[in-house]
PDB file of N, CA and C in Angstrom:
ATOM      1  N   MET A   1      42.939  -4.588   3.701  1.00  0.00           N
ATOM      2  CA  MET A   1      43.985  -4.974   2.781  1.00  0.00           C
ATOM      3  C   MET A   1      44.800  -3.729   2.431  1.00  0.00           C
ATOM      4  N   SER A   2      46.104  -3.850   2.442  1.00  0.00           N
ATOM      5  CA  SER A   2      46.970  -2.710   2.140  1.00  0.00           C
ATOM      6  C   SER A   2      46.973  -2.419   0.638  1.00  0.00           C
ATOM      7  N   ALA A   3      47.446  -1.232   0.279  1.00  0.00           N
ATOM      8  CA  ALA A   3      47.493  -0.843  -1.135  1.00  0.00           C
ATOM      9  C   ALA A   3      48.336  -1.816  -1.967  1.00  0.00           C
ATOM     10  N   PRO A   4      49.541  -2.208  -1.513  1.00  0.00           N
ATOM     11  CA  PRO A   4      50.297  -3.192  -2.305  1.00  0.00           C
ATOM     12  C   PRO A   4      49.557  -4.521  -2.448  1.00  0.00           C
ATOM     13  N   ASP A   5      48.878  -4.954  -1.387  1.00  0.00           N
ATOM     14  CA  ASP A   5      48.106  -6.200  -1.469  1.00  0.00           C
ATOM     15  C   ASP A   5      47.009  -6.097  -2.529  1.00  0.00           C
ATOM     16  N   ARG A   6      46.309  -4.952  -2.564  1.00  0.00           N
ATOM     17  CA  ARG A   6      45.252  -4.756  -3.563  1.00  0.00           C
ATOM     18  C   ARG A   6      45.826  -4.753  -4.979  1.00  0.00           C
ATOM     19  N   LEU A   7      46.992  -4.114  -5.150  1.00  0.00           N
ATOM     20  CA  LEU A   7      47.623  -4.091  -6.478  1.00  0.00           C
ATOM     21  C   LEU A   7      47.985  -5.496  -6.938  1.00  0.00           C
ATOM     22  N   PHE A   8      48.662  -6.250  -6.067  1.00  0.00           N
ATOM     23  CA  PHE A   8      49.075  -7.601  -6.450  1.00  0.00           C
ATOM     24  C   PHE A   8      47.867  -8.511  -6.667  1.00  0.00           C
ATOM     25  N   ALA A   9      46.842  -8.369  -5.848  1.00  0.00           N
ATOM     26  CA  ALA A   9      45.634  -9.181  -6.023  1.00  0.00           C
ATOM     27  C   ALA A   9      44.968  -8.868  -7.363  1.00  0.00           C
ATOM     28  N   ALA A  10      44.957  -7.600  -7.736  1.00  0.00           N
ATOM     29  CA  ALA A  10      44.355  -7.211  -9.014  1.00  0.00           C
ATOM     30  C   ALA A  10      45.127  -7.811 -10.184  1.00  0.00           C
ATOM     31  N   PHE A  11      46.443  -7.777 -10.121  1.00  0.00           N
ATOM     32  CA  PHE A  11      47.275  -8.311 -11.201  1.00  0.00           C
ATOM     33  C   PHE A  11      47.298  -9.840 -11.216  1.00  0.00           C
ATOM     34  N   ALA A  12      46.969 -10.480 -10.101  1.00  0.00           N
ATOM     35  CA  ALA A  12      47.079 -11.941  -9.997  1.00  0.00           C
ATOM     36  C   ALA A  12      45.971 -12.684 -10.738  1.00  0.00           C
ATOM     37  N   ASP A  13      44.858 -12.031 -10.997  1.00  0.00           N
ATOM     38  CA  ASP A  13      43.744 -12.695 -11.665  1.00  0.00           C
ATOM     39  C   ASP A  13      43.919 -12.613 -13.182  1.00  0.00           C
ATOM     40  N   PRO A  14      43.810 -13.729 -13.906  1.00  0.00           N
ATOM     41  CA  PRO A  14      44.009 -13.712 -15.361  1.00  0.00           C
ATOM     42  C   PRO A  14      43.059 -12.777 -16.113  1.00  0.00           C
ATOM     43  N   THR A  15      41.804 -12.717 -15.715  1.00  0.00           N
ATOM     44  CA  THR A  15      40.862 -11.822 -16.399  1.00  0.00           C
ATOM     45  C   THR A  15      41.236 -10.371 -16.166  1.00  0.00           C
ATOM     46  N   ARG A  16      41.586 -10.028 -14.936  1.00  0.00           N
ATOM     47  CA  ARG A  16      41.964  -8.639 -14.655  1.00  0.00           C
ATOM     48  C   ARG A  16      43.265  -8.275 -15.362  1.00  0.00           C
ATOM     49  N   LEU A  17      44.186  -9.216 -15.470  1.00  0.00           N
ATOM     50  CA  LEU A  17      45.421  -8.952 -16.215  1.00  0.00           C
ATOM     51  C   LEU A  17      45.094  -8.677 -17.686  1.00  0.00           C
ATOM     52  N   ARG A  18      44.159  -9.426 -18.237  1.00  0.00           N
ATOM     53  CA  ARG A  18      43.742  -9.191 -19.622  1.00  0.00           C
ATOM     54  C   ARG A  18      43.122  -7.798 -19.766  1.00  0.00           C
ATOM     55  N   ILE A  19      42.277  -7.417 -18.816  1.00  0.00           N
ATOM     56  CA  ILE A  19      41.651  -6.091 -18.863  1.00  0.00           C
ATOM     57  C   ILE A  19      42.710  -5.002 -18.742  1.00  0.00           C
ATOM     58  N   LEU A  20      43.633  -5.159 -17.807  1.00  0.00           N
ATOM     59  CA  LEU A  20      44.698  -4.165 -17.643  1.00  0.00           C
ATOM     60  C   LEU A  20      45.529  -4.029 -18.913  1.00  0.00           C
ATOM     61  N   SER A  21      45.846  -5.148 -19.534  1.00  0.00           N
ATOM     62  CA  SER A  21      46.619  -5.117 -20.773  1.00  0.00           C
ATOM     63  C   SER A  21      45.870  -4.363 -21.867  1.00  0.00           C
ATOM     64  N   LEU A  22      44.576  -4.611 -21.981  1.00  0.00           N
ATOM     65  CA  LEU A  22      43.768  -3.902 -22.975  1.00  0.00           C
ATOM     66  C   LEU A  22      43.703  -2.409 -22.672  1.00  0.00           C
ATOM     67  N   LEU A  23      43.495  -2.062 -21.412  1.00  0.00           N
ATOM     68  CA  LEU A  23      43.439  -0.645 -21.038  1.00  0.00           C
ATOM     69  C   LEU A  23      44.778   0.048 -21.281  1.00  0.00           C
ATOM     70  N   ALA A  24      45.871  -0.675 -21.089  1.00  0.00           N
ATOM     71  CA  ALA A  24      47.198  -0.091 -21.305  1.00  0.00           C
ATOM     72  C   ALA A  24      47.466   0.175 -22.784  1.00  0.00           C
ATOM     73  N   SER A  25      46.731  -0.508 -23.651  1.00  0.00           N
ATOM     74  CA  SER A  25      46.969  -0.351 -25.086  1.00  0.00           C
ATOM     75  C   SER A  25      46.193   0.816 -25.695  1.00  0.00           C
ATOM     76  N   ARG A  26      45.255   1.381 -24.966  1.00  0.00           N
ATOM     77  CA  ARG A  26      44.419   2.492 -25.450  1.00  0.00           C
ATOM     78  C   ARG A  26      44.277   3.533 -24.354  1.00  0.00           C
ATOM     79  N   LYS A  27      43.936   4.741 -24.769  1.00  0.00           N
ATOM     80  CA  LYS A  27      43.705   5.790 -23.779  1.00  0.00           C
ATOM     81  C   LYS A  27      42.470   5.470 -22.943  1.00  0.00           C
ATOM     82  N   GLU A  28      41.450   4.924 -23.595  1.00  0.00           N
ATOM     83  CA  GLU A  28      40.176   4.644 -22.928  1.00  0.00           C
ATOM     84  C   GLU A  28      39.433   3.566 -23.714  1.00  0.00           C
ATOM     85  N   LEU A  29      38.692   2.721 -22.990  1.00  0.00           N
ATOM     86  CA  LEU A  29      37.896   1.678 -23.640  1.00  0.00           C
ATOM     87  C   LEU A  29      36.495   1.636 -23.056  1.00  0.00           C
ATOM     88  N   CYS A  30      35.540   1.400 -23.928  1.00  0.00           N
ATOM     89  CA  CYS A  30      34.151   1.213 -23.526  1.00  0.00           C
ATOM     90  C   CYS A  30      33.986  -0.203 -22.967  1.00  0.00           C
ATOM     91  N   VAL A  31      33.077  -0.362 -22.037  1.00  0.00           N
ATOM     92  CA  VAL A  31      32.782  -1.694 -21.505  1.00  0.00           C
ATOM     93  C   VAL A  31      32.398  -2.644 -22.638  1.00  0.00           C
ATOM     94  N   CYS A  32      31.713  -2.136 -23.649  1.00  0.00           N
ATOM     95  CA  CYS A  32      31.309  -3.005 -24.767  1.00  0.00           C
ATOM     96  C   CYS A  32      32.525  -3.574 -25.485  1.00  0.00           C
ATOM     97  N   ASP A  33      33.607  -2.796 -25.586  1.00  0.00           N
ATOM     98  CA  ASP A  33      34.841  -3.312 -26.188  1.00  0.00           C
ATOM     99  C   ASP A  33      35.417  -4.438 -25.342  1.00  0.00           C
ATOM    100  N   LEU A  34      35.450  -4.220 -24.042  1.00  0.00           N
ATOM    101  CA  LEU A  34      36.021  -5.228 -23.144  1.00  0.00           C
ATOM    102  C   LEU A  34      35.208  -6.514 -23.163  1.00  0.00           C
ATOM    103  N   THR A  35      33.891  -6.405 -23.145  1.00  0.00           N
ATOM    104  CA  THR A  35      33.067  -7.617 -23.163  1.00  0.00           C
ATOM    105  C   THR A  35      33.229  -8.368 -24.482  1.00  0.00           C
ATOM    106  N   ALA A  36      33.324  -7.639 -25.585  1.00  0.00           N
ATOM    107  CA  ALA A  36      33.482  -8.289 -26.893  1.00  0.00           C
ATOM    108  C   ALA A  36      34.832  -8.992 -27.004  1.00  0.00           C
ATOM    109  N   VAL A  37      35.888  -8.335 -26.583  1.00  0.00           N
ATOM    110  CA  VAL A  37      37.224  -8.926 -26.685  1.00  0.00           C
ATOM    111  C   VAL A  37      37.363 -10.123 -25.753  1.00  0.00           C
ATOM    112  N   LEU A  38      36.868  -9.987 -24.534  1.00  0.00           N
ATOM    113  CA  LEU A  38      36.999 -11.069 -23.557  1.00  0.00           C
ATOM    114  C   LEU A  38      35.997 -12.198 -23.793  1.00  0.00           C
ATOM    115  N   GLY A  39      34.925 -11.907 -24.525  1.00  0.00           N
ATOM    116  CA  GLY A  39      33.900 -12.915 -24.761  1.00  0.00           C
ATOM    117  C   GLY A  39      33.145 -13.296 -23.502  1.00  0.00           C
ATOM    118  N   ARG A  40      32.979 -12.332 -22.611  1.00  0.00           N
ATOM    119  CA  ARG A  40      32.302 -12.570 -21.333  1.00  0.00           C
ATOM    120  C   ARG A  40      31.166 -11.572 -21.167  1.00  0.00           C
ATOM    121  N   PRO A  41      30.157 -11.900 -20.357  1.00  0.00           N
ATOM    122  CA  PRO A  41      29.023 -10.989 -20.140  1.00  0.00           C
ATOM    123  C   PRO A  41      29.447  -9.694 -19.438  1.00  0.00           C
ATOM    124  N   GLN A  42      28.643  -8.677 -19.653  1.00  0.00           N
ATOM    125  CA  GLN A  42      28.935  -7.357 -19.079  1.00  0.00           C
ATOM    126  C   GLN A  42      29.032  -7.410 -17.557  1.00  0.00           C
ATOM    127  N   ALA A  43      28.182  -8.165 -16.893  1.00  0.00           N
ATOM    128  CA  ALA A  43      28.215  -8.238 -15.423  1.00  0.00           C
ATOM    129  C   ALA A  43      29.535  -8.832 -14.936  1.00  0.00           C
ATOM    130  N   PHE A  44      30.032  -9.844 -15.621  1.00  0.00           N
ATOM    131  CA  PHE A  44      31.307 -10.475 -15.267  1.00  0.00           C
ATOM    132  C   PHE A  44      32.450  -9.466 -15.400  1.00  0.00           C
ATOM    133  N   VAL A  45      32.490  -8.761 -16.523  1.00  0.00           N
ATOM    134  CA  VAL A  45      33.546  -7.775 -16.771  1.00  0.00           C
ATOM    135  C   VAL A  45      33.432  -6.630 -15.769  1.00  0.00           C
ATOM    136  N   SER A  46      32.221  -6.189 -15.487  1.00  0.00           N
ATOM    137  CA  SER A  46      32.022  -5.081 -14.540  1.00  0.00           C
ATOM    138  C   SER A  46      32.508  -5.430 -13.138  1.00  0.00           C
ATOM    139  N   ARG A  47      32.315  -6.676 -12.712  1.00  0.00           N
ATOM    140  CA  ARG A  47      32.822  -7.088 -11.391  1.00  0.00           C
ATOM    141  C   ARG A  47      34.344  -6.963 -11.341  1.00  0.00           C
ATOM    142  N   HIS A  48      35.011  -7.372 -12.400  1.00  0.00           N
ATOM    143  CA  HIS A  48      36.470  -7.269 -12.431  1.00  0.00           C
ATOM    144  C   HIS A  48      36.917  -5.807 -12.510  1.00  0.00           C
ATOM    145  N   LEU A  49      36.184  -4.998 -13.244  1.00  0.00           N
ATOM    146  CA  LEU A  49      36.508  -3.571 -13.306  1.00  0.00           C
ATOM    147  C   LEU A  49      36.337  -2.910 -11.942  1.00  0.00           C
ATOM    148  N   ALA A  50      35.359  -3.346 -11.169  1.00  0.00           N
ATOM    149  CA  ALA A  50      35.165  -2.805  -9.817  1.00  0.00           C
ATOM    150  C   ALA A  50      36.373  -3.109  -8.936  1.00  0.00           C
ATOM    151  N   VAL A  51      36.936  -4.297  -9.067  1.00  0.00           N
ATOM    152  CA  VAL A  51      38.143  -4.650  -8.305  1.00  0.00           C
ATOM    153  C   VAL A  51      39.304  -3.760  -8.741  1.00  0.00           C
ATOM    154  N   LEU A  52      39.437  -3.530 -10.042  1.00  0.00           N
ATOM    155  CA  LEU A  52      40.518  -2.672 -10.543  1.00  0.00           C
ATOM    156  C   LEU A  52      40.347  -1.233 -10.063  1.00  0.00           C
ATOM    157  N   ARG A  53      39.110  -0.754 -10.013  1.00  0.00           N
ATOM    158  CA  ARG A  53      38.866   0.597  -9.475  1.00  0.00           C
ATOM    159  C   ARG A  53      39.216   0.650  -7.994  1.00  0.00           C
ATOM    160  N   ALA A  54      38.804  -0.355  -7.231  1.00  0.00           N
ATOM    161  CA  ALA A  54      39.078  -0.384  -5.788  1.00  0.00           C
ATOM    162  C   ALA A  54      40.576  -0.443  -5.505  1.00  0.00           C
ATOM    163  N   ALA A  55      41.332  -1.068  -6.401  1.00  0.00           N
ATOM    164  CA  ALA A  55      42.786  -1.150  -6.238  1.00  0.00           C
ATOM    165  C   ALA A  55      43.478   0.128  -6.703  1.00  0.00           C
ATOM    166  N   GLY A  56      42.719   1.060  -7.274  1.00  0.00           N
ATOM    167  CA  GLY A  56      43.298   2.312  -7.754  1.00  0.00           C
ATOM    168  C   GLY A  56      43.974   2.185  -9.103  1.00  0.00           C
ATOM    169  N   LEU A  57      43.658   1.126  -9.846  1.00  0.00           N
ATOM    170  CA  LEU A  57      44.294   0.895 -11.144  1.00  0.00           C
ATOM    171  C   LEU A  57      43.477   1.428 -12.318  1.00  0.00           C
ATOM    172  N   ALA A  58      42.167   1.521 -12.161  1.00  0.00           N
ATOM    173  CA  ALA A  58      41.300   1.957 -13.260  1.00  0.00           C
ATOM    174  C   ALA A  58      40.339   3.029 -12.770  1.00  0.00           C
ATOM    175  N   GLN A  59      39.899   3.835 -13.715  1.00  0.00           N
ATOM    176  CA  GLN A  59      38.895   4.863 -13.442  1.00  0.00           C
ATOM    177  C   GLN A  59      37.876   4.810 -14.571  1.00  0.00           C
ATOM    178  N   ASP A  60      36.704   5.371 -14.319  1.00  0.00           N
ATOM    179  CA  ASP A  60      35.668   5.325 -15.340  1.00  0.00           C
ATOM    180  C   ASP A  60      34.986   6.669 -15.477  1.00  0.00           C
ATOM    181  N   ARG A  61      34.309   6.810 -16.613  1.00  0.00           N
ATOM    182  CA  ARG A  61      33.447   7.971 -16.842  1.00  0.00           C
ATOM    183  C   ARG A  61      32.279   7.489 -17.674  1.00  0.00           C
ATOM    184  N   LYS A  62      31.142   8.105 -17.454  1.00  0.00           N
ATOM    185  CA  LYS A  62      29.937   7.712 -18.184  1.00  0.00           C
ATOM    186  C   LYS A  62      29.836   8.548 -19.449  1.00  0.00           C
ATOM    187  N   LEU A  63      29.562   7.872 -20.546  1.00  0.00           N
ATOM    188  CA  LEU A  63      29.359   8.543 -21.827  1.00  0.00           C
ATOM    189  C   LEU A  63      28.116   7.920 -22.458  1.00  0.00           C
ATOM    190  N   GLY A  64      27.023   8.642 -22.404  1.00  0.00           N
ATOM    191  CA  GLY A  64      25.763   8.077 -22.889  1.00  0.00           C
ATOM    192  C   GLY A  64      25.343   6.927 -21.997  1.00  0.00           C
ATOM    193  N   LEU A  65      25.043   5.804 -22.606  1.00  0.00           N
ATOM    194  CA  LEU A  65      24.611   4.628 -21.851  1.00  0.00           C
ATOM    195  C   LEU A  65      25.773   3.789 -21.338  1.00  0.00           C
ATOM    196  N   TRP A  66      26.974   4.065 -21.801  1.00  0.00           N
ATOM    197  CA  TRP A  66      28.120   3.206 -21.515  1.00  0.00           C
ATOM    198  C   TRP A  66      29.107   3.864 -20.569  1.00  0.00           C
ATOM    199  N   ARG A  67      29.855   3.036 -19.893  1.00  0.00           N
ATOM    200  CA  ARG A  67      30.979   3.499 -19.081  1.00  0.00           C
ATOM    201  C   ARG A  67      32.251   3.242 -19.872  1.00  0.00           C
ATOM    202  N   HIS A  68      33.124   4.215 -19.823  1.00  0.00           N
ATOM    203  CA  HIS A  68      34.425   4.103 -20.480  1.00  0.00           C
ATOM    204  C   HIS A  68      35.493   4.069 -19.392  1.00  0.00           C
ATOM    205  N   TYR A  69      36.442   3.177 -19.555  1.00  0.00           N
ATOM    206  CA  TYR A  69      37.467   2.944 -18.537  1.00  0.00           C
ATOM    207  C   TYR A  69      38.843   3.287 -19.072  1.00  0.00           C
ATOM    208  N   SER A  70      39.692   3.724 -18.153  1.00  0.00           N
ATOM    209  CA  SER A  70      41.094   3.990 -18.470  1.00  0.00           C
ATOM    210  C   SER A  70      41.927   3.656 -17.240  1.00  0.00           C
ATOM    211  N   LEU A  71      43.228   3.537 -17.464  1.00  0.00           N
ATOM    212  CA  LEU A  71      44.131   3.321 -16.338  1.00  0.00           C
ATOM    213  C   LEU A  71      44.304   4.627 -15.587  1.00  0.00           C
ATOM    214  N   THR A  72      44.520   4.533 -14.300  1.00  0.00           N
ATOM    215  CA  THR A  72      44.813   5.721 -13.503  1.00  0.00           C
ATOM    216  C   THR A  72      46.304   6.032 -13.615  1.00  0.00           C
ATOM    217  N   ALA A  73      46.654   7.260 -13.303  1.00  0.00           N
ATOM    218  CA  ALA A  73      48.071   7.617 -13.238  1.00  0.00           C
ATOM    219  C   ALA A  73      48.686   6.879 -12.048  1.00  0.00           C
ATOM    220  N   PRO A  74      49.911   6.405 -12.186  1.00  0.00           N
ATOM    221  CA  PRO A  74      50.548   5.677 -11.079  1.00  0.00           C
ATOM    222  C   PRO A  74      50.616   6.526  -9.814  1.00  0.00           C
ATOM    223  N   LYS A  75      50.337   5.877  -8.688  1.00  0.00           N
ATOM    224  CA  LYS A  75      50.339   6.566  -7.397  1.00  0.00           C
ATOM    225  C   LYS A  75      51.549   6.186  -6.551  1.00  0.00           C
ATOM    226  N   GLY A  76      52.545   5.653  -7.167  1.00  0.00           N
ATOM    227  CA  GLY A  76      53.754   5.253  -6.451  1.00  0.00           C
ATOM    228  C   GLY A  76      54.625   4.405  -7.355  1.00  0.00           C
ATOM    229  N   ARG A  77      55.810   4.080  -6.852  1.00  0.00           N
ATOM    230  CA  ARG A  77      56.758   3.312  -7.671  1.00  0.00           C
ATOM    231  C   ARG A  77      56.242   1.921  -8.003  1.00  0.00           C
ATOM    232  N   LEU A  78      55.657   1.235  -7.031  1.00  0.00           N
ATOM    233  CA  LEU A  78      55.153  -0.111  -7.288  1.00  0.00           C
ATOM    234  C   LEU A  78      54.071  -0.075  -8.364  1.00  0.00           C
ATOM    235  N   HIS A  79      53.142   0.837  -8.226  1.00  0.00           N
ATOM    236  CA  HIS A  79      52.065   0.999  -9.205  1.00  0.00           C
ATOM    237  C   HIS A  79      52.662   1.262 -10.591  1.00  0.00           C
ATOM    238  N   ALA A  80      53.625   2.165 -10.675  1.00  0.00           N
ATOM    239  CA  ALA A  80      54.258   2.501 -11.955  1.00  0.00           C
ATOM    240  C   ALA A  80      54.980   1.298 -12.557  1.00  0.00           C
ATOM    241  N   ARG A  81      55.680   0.548 -11.737  1.00  0.00           N
ATOM    242  CA  ARG A  81      56.422  -0.616 -12.246  1.00  0.00           C
ATOM    243  C   ARG A  81      55.485  -1.714 -12.739  1.00  0.00           C
ATOM    244  N   LEU A  82      54.400  -1.932 -12.028  1.00  0.00           N
ATOM    245  CA  LEU A  82      53.442  -2.947 -12.475  1.00  0.00           C
ATOM    246  C   LEU A  82      52.817  -2.551 -13.813  1.00  0.00           C
ATOM    247  N   LEU A  83      52.451  -1.291 -13.959  1.00  0.00           N
ATOM    248  CA  LEU A  83      51.888  -0.837 -15.233  1.00  0.00           C
ATOM    249  C   LEU A  83      52.921  -0.915 -16.351  1.00  0.00           C
ATOM    250  N   ALA A  84      54.174  -0.597 -16.034  1.00  0.00           N
ATOM    251  CA  ALA A  84      55.240  -0.650 -17.043  1.00  0.00           C
ATOM    252  C   ALA A  84      55.496  -2.071 -17.534  1.00  0.00           C
ATOM    253  N   ALA A  85      55.152  -3.064 -16.726  1.00  0.00           N
ATOM    254  CA  ALA A  85      55.367  -4.466 -17.115  1.00  0.00           C
ATOM    255  C   ALA A  85      54.301  -4.980 -18.080  1.00  0.00           C
ATOM    256  N   LEU A  86      53.210  -4.252 -18.247  1.00  0.00           N
ATOM    257  CA  LEU A  86      52.115  -4.744 -19.092  1.00  0.00           C
ATOM    258  C   LEU A  86      52.518  -4.978 -20.551  1.00  0.00           C
ATOM    259  N   PRO A  87      53.243  -4.062 -21.210  1.00  0.00           N
ATOM    260  CA  PRO A  87      53.630  -4.341 -22.604  1.00  0.00           C
ATOM    261  C   PRO A  87      54.503  -5.593 -22.743  1.00  0.00           C
ATOM    262  N   GLU A  88      55.401  -5.811 -21.807  1.00  0.00           N
ATOM    263  CA  GLU A  88      56.237  -7.008 -21.853  1.00  0.00           C
ATOM    264  C   GLU A  88      55.390  -8.263 -21.630  1.00  0.00           C
ATOM    265  N   SER A  89      54.431  -8.181 -20.729  1.00  0.00           N
ATOM    266  CA  SER A  89      53.525  -9.311 -20.495  1.00  0.00           C
ATOM    267  C   SER A  89      52.768  -9.653 -21.766  1.00  0.00           C
ATOM    268  N   ARG A  90      52.322  -8.618 -22.475  1.00  0.00           N
ATOM    269  CA  ARG A  90      51.585  -8.831 -23.723  1.00  0.00           C
ATOM    270  C   ARG A  90      52.477  -9.524 -24.754  1.00  0.00           C
ATOM    271  N   ALA A  91      53.743  -9.136 -24.801  1.00  0.00           N
ATOM    272  CA  ALA A  91      54.671  -9.740 -25.761  1.00  0.00           C
ATOM    273  C   ALA A  91      54.900 -11.221 -25.473  1.00  0.00           C
ATOM    274  N   GLU A  92      54.786 -11.618 -24.219  1.00  0.00           N
ATOM    275  CA  GLU A  92      55.081 -13.001 -23.831  1.00  0.00           C
ATOM    276  C   GLU A  92      53.845 -13.891 -23.704  1.00  0.00           C
ATOM    277  N   SER A  93      52.665 -13.330 -23.824  1.00  0.00           N
ATOM    278  CA  SER A  93      51.443 -14.110 -23.600  1.00  0.00           C
ATOM    279  C   SER A  93      50.606 -14.231 -24.873  1.00  0.00           C
ATOM    280  N   PRO A  94      50.403 -15.452 -25.361  1.00  0.00           N
ATOM    281  CA  PRO A  94      49.528 -15.621 -26.536  1.00  0.00           C
ATOM    282  C   PRO A  94      48.108 -15.095 -26.290  1.00  0.00           C
ATOM    283  N   ASP A  95      47.572 -15.286 -25.087  1.00  0.00           N
ATOM    284  CA  ASP A  95      46.221 -14.793 -24.780  1.00  0.00           C
ATOM    285  C   ASP A  95      46.152 -13.275 -24.879  1.00  0.00           C
ATOM    286  N   LEU A  96      47.141 -12.590 -24.328  1.00  0.00           N
ATOM    287  CA  LEU A  96      47.133 -11.128 -24.364  1.00  0.00           C
ATOM    288  C   LEU A  96      47.333 -10.617 -25.790  1.00  0.00           C
ATOM    289  N   ARG A  97      48.148 -11.308 -26.575  1.00  0.00           N
ATOM    290  CA  ARG A  97      48.324 -10.917 -27.983  1.00  0.00           C
ATOM    291  C   ARG A  97      47.024 -11.124 -28.767  1.00  0.00           C
ATOM    292  N   ARG A  98      46.329 -12.221 -28.496  1.00  0.00           N
ATOM    293  CA  ARG A  98      45.039 -12.480 -29.144  1.00  0.00           C
ATOM    294  C   ARG A  98      44.027 -11.383 -28.785  1.00  0.00           C
ATOM    295  N   ASP A  99      44.009 -11.005 -27.516  1.00  0.00           N
ATOM    296  CA  ASP A  99      43.109  -9.923 -27.091  1.00  0.00           C
ATOM    297  C   ASP A  99      43.421  -8.634 -27.845  1.00  0.00           C
ATOM    298  N   ALA A 100      44.704  -8.312 -27.978  1.00  0.00           N
ATOM    299  CA  ALA A 100      45.100  -7.085 -28.687  1.00  0.00           C
ATOM    300  C   ALA A 100      44.650  -7.136 -30.144  1.00  0.00           C
ATOM    301  N   ALA A 101      44.773  -8.302 -30.769  1.00  0.00           N
ATOM    302  CA  ALA A 101      44.334  -8.444 -32.164  1.00  0.00           C
ATOM    303  C   ALA A 101      42.820  -8.288 -32.276  1.00  0.00           C
ATOM    304  N   ARG A 102      42.076  -8.860 -31.345  1.00  0.00           N
ATOM    305  CA  ARG A 102      40.606  -8.711 -31.349  1.00  0.00           C
ATOM    306  C   ARG A 102      40.212  -7.247 -31.171  1.00  0.00           C
ATOM    307  N   LEU A 103      40.904  -6.569 -30.272  1.00  0.00           N
ATOM    308  CA  LEU A 103      40.591  -5.164 -30.024  1.00  0.00           C
ATOM    309  C   LEU A 103      40.892  -4.315 -31.257  1.00  0.00           C
ATOM    310  N   ALA A 104      41.949  -4.645 -31.975  1.00  0.00           N
ATOM    311  CA  ALA A 104      42.302  -3.883 -33.174  1.00  0.00           C
ATOM    312  C   ALA A 104      41.199  -3.960 -34.228  1.00  0.00           C
ATOM    313  N   ARG A 105      40.420  -5.031 -34.220  1.00  0.00           N
ATOM    314  CA  ARG A 105      39.331  -5.195 -35.189  1.00  0.00           C
ATOM    315  C   ARG A 105      38.013  -4.595 -34.707  1.00  0.00           C
ATOM    316  N   ARG A 106      37.962  -4.166 -33.457  1.00  0.00           N
ATOM    317  CA  ARG A 106      36.704  -3.689 -32.887  1.00  0.00           C
ATOM    318  C   ARG A 106      36.957  -2.430 -32.088  1.00  0.00           C
ATOM    319  N   ARG A 107      36.094  -1.460 -32.266  1.00  0.00           N
ATOM    320  CA  ARG A 107      36.276  -0.219 -31.518  1.00  0.00           C
ATOM    321  C   ARG A 107      34.945   0.501 -31.367  1.00  0.00           C
ATOM    322  N   CYS A 108      34.657   0.934 -30.161  1.00  0.00           N
ATOM    323  CA  CYS A 108      33.476   1.745 -29.877  1.00  0.00           C
ATOM    324  C   CYS A 108      33.863   3.204 -30.123  1.00  0.00           C
ATOM    325  N   VAL A 109      33.082   3.894 -30.935  1.00  0.00           N
ATOM    326  CA  VAL A 109      33.374   5.293 -31.234  1.00  0.00           C
ATOM    327  C   VAL A 109      32.225   6.143 -30.721  1.00  0.00           C
ATOM    328  N   ALA A 110      32.493   6.945 -29.697  1.00  0.00           N
ATOM    329  CA  ALA A 110      31.509   7.874 -29.124  1.00  0.00           C
ATOM    330  C   ALA A 110      30.165   7.206 -28.854  1.00  0.00           C
ATOM    331  N   GLY A 111      30.226   6.025 -28.256  1.00  0.00           N
ATOM    332  CA  GLY A 111      29.005   5.341 -27.880  1.00  0.00           C
ATOM    333  C   GLY A 111      28.349   4.538 -28.992  1.00  0.00           C
ATOM    334  N   ALA A 112      28.889   4.612 -30.206  1.00  0.00           N
ATOM    335  CA  ALA A 112      28.350   3.824 -31.329  1.00  0.00           C
ATOM    336  C   ALA A 112      29.142   2.532 -31.417  1.00  0.00           C
ATOM    337  N   CYS A 113      28.814   1.598 -30.572  1.00  0.00           N
ATOM    338  CA  CYS A 113      29.593   0.362 -30.477  1.00  0.00           C
ATOM    339  C   CYS A 113      29.307  -0.552 -31.652  1.00  0.00           C
ATOM    340  N   ARG A 114      30.391  -1.144 -32.158  1.00  0.00           N
ATOM    341  CA  ARG A 114      30.270  -2.092 -33.266  1.00  0.00           C
ATOM    342  C   ARG A 114      31.373  -3.110 -33.193  1.00  0.00           C
TER     343      ARG A 114
END
């Protein structure tokens, strides 16, 4: 699969779009934040994060027991344009706005998830 195909496939899935929108709203997020906001099990969220990593859209680092994820720097114009569309997508989607509100009420701080 070509790089553009991987990018479009990653953005085409509703769960991955929700994850991308959440990652775009913060510098970095713990997996526990993503599972809480999405209301899905860690294994489900991790599978989607693996697709985002394979597409070059997300990166991770381990901090204690948890993995923290962030968006990667754009690797081309298409990548940059797709990431730039995330705030507008959030403005137009009730689901993405709900996710942002849930995230605002919950935050993992240095591995102390709550």
